[in-house]
Amino acid sequence: MLQISYQTELIEAGCDEAGRGSLAGAVYAAAVILPKGFADDRLNDSKKLTPKARFLLRDVIVREAVAWAVGVVTQEEIDRMNILNASFEAMSRAVEQLKVKPELLLIDGNRFRPRLPIPYRCEVKGDGRFANIAAASILAKTFRDEYMLGLAEEYPMYEWDKNMGYPTKAHRQAILEHGLSPYHRLSFNCTPEPTLFDSIMG
């Protein structure tokens, strides 16, 4: 079972993002404050869970959390501020929306640039160690997946319903054939990989 929190005497919010490596769409982040004594053996890093398990756990988190929120930074904003800063901003936006003010933020990863006057700790692979970060990773992932599924209906040629905007071979080939959509991140290298490009052109 994951550790519930870092310091149980403080009001802690776990924070994580989803969509950082995607070629298209917004980056999402979530912040979650779990109640003292919260326990669910199924809770884990969202990447280690099936889609069905993630959505079942999302219902539990939304119902049981003391507070939760999701922050979004659009692809246009990503192009302006770069994806690293956009990820930090998405987490800050999520924290700002919490109905309960946290006293400590647990950030998944090794870097954070705070915009809010709240103490924080960076925890490498925190989504597999702390329940509140794992909960945030599940919310960020599921809400972003729903968003990408909506975009996939508008632009089915990129197969975002399967790749969620990430740079799969099929996604890059669709960019070559159809060009970029309004949702692609122009600051990213969205062109086909050289080996794929060479094989098509050769």
Protein backbone atom coordinates (compact mmCIF):
# COMPACT_ATOMS: atom_id res chain seq x y z
CA MET A 1 0.00 0.00 0.00
CA LEU A 2 1.22 3.51 -0.78
CA GLN A 3 2.23 5.93 1.95
CA ILE A 4 -0.75 8.20 2.61
CA SER A 5 1.26 11.38 2.92
CA TYR A 6 4.67 12.84 3.78
CA GLN A 7 3.77 14.63 7.02
CA THR A 8 0.43 13.63 8.47
CA GLU A 9 0.18 16.71 10.68
CA LEU A 10 -0.03 19.00 7.64
CA ILE A 11 -2.76 19.46 5.05
CA GLU A 12 -1.03 17.97 2.02
CA ALA A 13 -1.96 18.09 -1.64
CA GLY A 14 -0.44 15.62 -4.07
CA CYS A 15 0.19 17.06 -7.54
CA ASP A 16 0.88 15.40 -10.88
CA GLU A 17 0.47 16.13 -14.59
CA ALA A 18 -0.52 14.24 -17.73
CA GLY A 19 0.21 14.91 -21.39
CA ARG A 20 3.67 16.43 -21.09
CA GLY A 21 5.13 14.32 -23.92
CA SER A 22 2.13 14.56 -26.22
CA LEU A 23 2.42 16.26 -29.62
CA ALA A 24 -1.09 17.67 -29.41
CA GLY A 25 -3.57 19.11 -26.99
CA ALA A 26 -3.43 20.67 -23.57
CA VAL A 27 -1.42 19.48 -20.59
CA TYR A 28 -3.53 18.58 -17.55
CA ALA A 29 -2.57 18.50 -13.88
CA ALA A 30 -4.44 17.59 -10.73
CA ALA A 31 -4.11 18.36 -7.05
CA VAL A 32 -5.67 16.08 -4.43
CA ILE A 33 -6.02 16.30 -0.66
CA LEU A 34 -6.94 12.90 0.78
CA PRO A 35 -8.53 12.44 4.20
CA LYS A 36 -6.43 11.20 7.10
CA GLY A 37 -6.47 7.41 7.17
CA PHE A 38 -7.52 7.05 3.54
CA ALA A 39 -6.69 3.59 2.24
CA ASP A 40 -7.33 1.78 -1.03
CA ASP A 41 -5.13 -1.12 -2.08
CA ARG A 42 -5.91 -0.46 -5.75
CA LEU A 43 -4.38 3.01 -5.73
CA ASN A 44 -1.16 3.25 -7.76
CA ASP A 45 0.69 5.23 -10.41
CA SER A 46 -1.88 5.79 -13.17
CA LYS A 47 0.53 4.40 -15.80
CA LYS A 48 0.41 1.01 -14.04
CA LEU A 49 -3.38 0.80 -14.12
CA THR A 50 -5.80 -0.23 -16.83
CA PRO A 51 -8.17 2.44 -18.19
CA LYS A 52 -11.07 0.71 -16.43
CA ALA A 53 -9.22 0.69 -13.10
CA ARG A 54 -8.29 4.36 -13.49
CA PHE A 55 -11.89 5.44 -14.03
CA LEU A 56 -13.15 3.31 -11.14
CA LEU A 57 -10.55 4.87 -8.86
CA ARG A 58 -11.38 8.34 -10.13
CA ASP A 59 -14.92 7.88 -8.80
CA VAL A 60 -13.51 6.89 -5.41
CA ILE A 61 -11.07 9.84 -5.31
CA VAL A 62 -13.69 12.40 -6.33
CA ARG A 63 -16.09 11.05 -3.73
CA GLU A 64 -13.65 10.59 -0.83
CA ALA A 65 -11.12 13.41 -1.25
CA VAL A 66 -11.17 16.36 1.12
CA ALA A 67 -10.57 18.49 -1.97
CA TRP A 68 -9.51 17.94 -5.57
CA ALA A 69 -9.08 20.07 -8.67
CA VAL A 70 -7.77 19.89 -12.23
CA GLY A 71 -5.71 22.57 -13.97
CA VAL A 72 -5.33 22.91 -17.75
CA VAL A 73 -2.79 24.72 -19.93
CA THR A 74 -3.65 24.86 -23.64
CA GLN A 75 -1.39 24.01 -26.54
CA GLU A 76 -1.17 27.71 -27.44
CA GLU A 77 0.08 28.48 -23.94
CA ILE A 78 2.51 25.56 -24.13
CA ASP A 79 4.00 27.04 -27.29
CA ARG A 80 4.43 30.38 -25.53
CA MET A 81 5.88 29.22 -22.21
CA ASN A 82 7.40 25.77 -23.11
CA ILE A 83 6.13 22.44 -21.83
CA LEU A 84 8.12 22.38 -18.59
CA ASN A 85 6.76 25.73 -17.44
CA ALA A 86 3.32 24.75 -18.73
CA SER A 87 3.38 21.63 -16.54
CA PHE A 88 4.28 23.73 -13.50
CA GLU A 89 1.54 26.22 -14.37
CA ALA A 90 -1.08 23.48 -14.75
CA MET A 91 -0.24 22.21 -11.26
CA SER A 92 -0.44 25.73 -9.84
CA ARG A 93 -3.84 26.23 -11.48
CA ALA A 94 -5.08 22.98 -9.96
CA VAL A 95 -3.86 23.97 -6.49
CA GLU A 96 -5.50 27.42 -6.80
CA GLN A 97 -8.88 25.76 -7.36
CA LEU A 98 -8.75 23.57 -4.25
CA LYS A 99 -11.56 24.37 -1.80
CA VAL A 100 -9.20 23.64 1.09
CA LYS A 101 -5.85 25.43 1.19
CA PRO A 102 -2.94 22.98 1.48
CA GLU A 103 0.00 23.57 3.80
CA LEU A 104 2.41 21.41 1.77
CA LEU A 105 2.51 20.34 -1.88
CA LEU A 106 3.95 16.98 -2.88
CA ILE A 107 5.08 17.30 -6.50
CA ASP A 108 5.73 14.25 -8.66
CA GLY A 109 9.17 14.58 -10.25
CA ASN A 110 12.46 16.29 -9.49
CA ARG A 111 11.66 19.90 -10.40
CA PHE A 112 9.02 22.51 -9.71
CA ARG A 113 8.86 26.26 -10.13
CA PRO A 114 6.32 27.52 -7.59
CA ARG A 115 4.02 30.42 -8.34
CA LEU A 116 2.10 30.10 -5.07
CA PRO A 117 3.39 30.83 -1.55
CA ILE A 118 2.98 27.22 -0.39
CA PRO A 119 5.90 25.00 0.71
CA TYR A 120 6.54 22.02 -1.54
CA ARG A 121 8.60 18.85 -1.88
CA CYS A 122 9.58 17.18 -5.16
CA GLU A 123 9.31 13.40 -5.03
CA VAL A 124 10.86 11.33 -7.82
CA LYS A 125 8.42 8.57 -8.80
CA GLY A 126 6.11 9.96 -6.16
CA ASP A 127 3.06 8.61 -7.98
CA GLY A 128 4.21 5.11 -7.03
CA ARG A 129 5.02 6.04 -3.41
CA PHE A 130 2.45 8.51 -2.11
CA ALA A 131 -1.30 8.01 -2.24
CA ASN A 132 -2.12 11.68 -2.76
CA ILE A 133 0.25 11.95 -5.75
CA ALA A 134 -1.09 8.69 -7.20
CA ALA A 135 -4.61 10.07 -6.84
CA ALA A 136 -3.56 13.25 -8.65
CA SER A 137 -1.96 11.21 -11.43
CA ILE A 138 -5.22 9.29 -11.93
CA LEU A 139 -7.34 12.43 -12.11
CA ALA A 140 -4.95 14.19 -14.48
CA LYS A 141 -4.73 11.14 -16.75
CA THR A 142 -8.45 10.34 -16.89
CA PHE A 143 -9.62 13.92 -17.43
CA ARG A 144 -7.04 14.44 -20.15
CA ASP A 145 -7.93 11.13 -21.84
CA GLU A 146 -11.57 12.22 -22.00
CA TYR A 147 -10.47 15.52 -23.52
CA MET A 148 -8.36 13.74 -26.17
CA LEU A 149 -11.20 11.37 -27.01
CA GLY A 150 -13.32 14.42 -27.74
CA LEU A 151 -10.64 15.85 -30.03
CA ALA A 152 -10.35 12.46 -31.76
CA GLU A 153 -13.96 12.75 -32.90
CA GLU A 154 -13.09 16.04 -34.57
CA TYR A 155 -9.80 14.80 -36.09
CA PRO A 156 -10.04 10.99 -36.40
CA MET A 157 -7.13 10.71 -38.84
CA TYR A 158 -4.56 11.17 -36.04
CA GLU A 159 -5.94 8.24 -33.99
CA TRP A 160 -5.92 10.28 -30.78
CA ASP A 161 -8.45 7.82 -29.37
CA LYS A 162 -5.60 5.29 -29.36
CA ASN A 163 -2.43 7.36 -28.83
CA MET A 164 -3.84 10.29 -26.79
CA GLY A 165 -1.66 12.63 -28.85
CA TYR A 166 1.63 10.89 -28.15
CA PRO A 167 4.18 10.46 -30.99
CA THR A 168 3.37 6.99 -32.28
CA LYS A 169 4.40 5.95 -35.77
CA ALA A 170 0.79 6.16 -36.96
CA HIS A 171 0.38 9.63 -35.48
CA ARG A 172 3.51 10.95 -37.19
CA GLN A 173 2.51 9.40 -40.51
CA ALA A 174 -0.92 11.03 -40.26
CA ILE A 175 0.81 14.39 -39.75
CA LEU A 176 2.81 13.77 -42.93
CA GLU A 177 -0.36 12.93 -44.88
CA HIS A 178 -2.77 15.51 -43.42
CA GLY A 179 -0.57 18.22 -41.97
CA LEU A 180 -0.91 19.69 -38.49
CA SER A 181 -4.22 20.27 -36.77
CA PRO A 182 -5.04 23.42 -34.75
CA TYR A 183 -4.41 21.31 -31.64
CA HIS A 184 -0.82 20.33 -32.42
CA ARG A 185 1.93 21.95 -30.37
CA LEU A 186 3.94 23.99 -32.84
CA SER A 187 6.92 24.20 -30.50
CA PHE A 188 7.27 20.40 -30.60
CA ASN A 189 8.95 18.36 -33.33
CA CYS A 190 5.79 17.00 -34.92
CA THR A 191 7.45 15.98 -38.18
CA PRO A 192 7.95 12.29 -38.96
CA GLU A 193 11.07 10.63 -37.61
CA PRO A 194 13.88 10.51 -40.22
CA THR A 195 13.68 6.74 -40.64
CA LEU A 196 9.94 6.86 -41.27
CA PHE A 197 10.23 9.88 -43.57
CA ASP A 198 13.01 8.23 -45.56
CA SER A 199 11.05 5.02 -45.97
CA ILE A 200 8.01 6.92 -47.26
CA MET A 201 9.97 9.17 -49.61
CA GLY A 202 12.24 6.39 -50.81
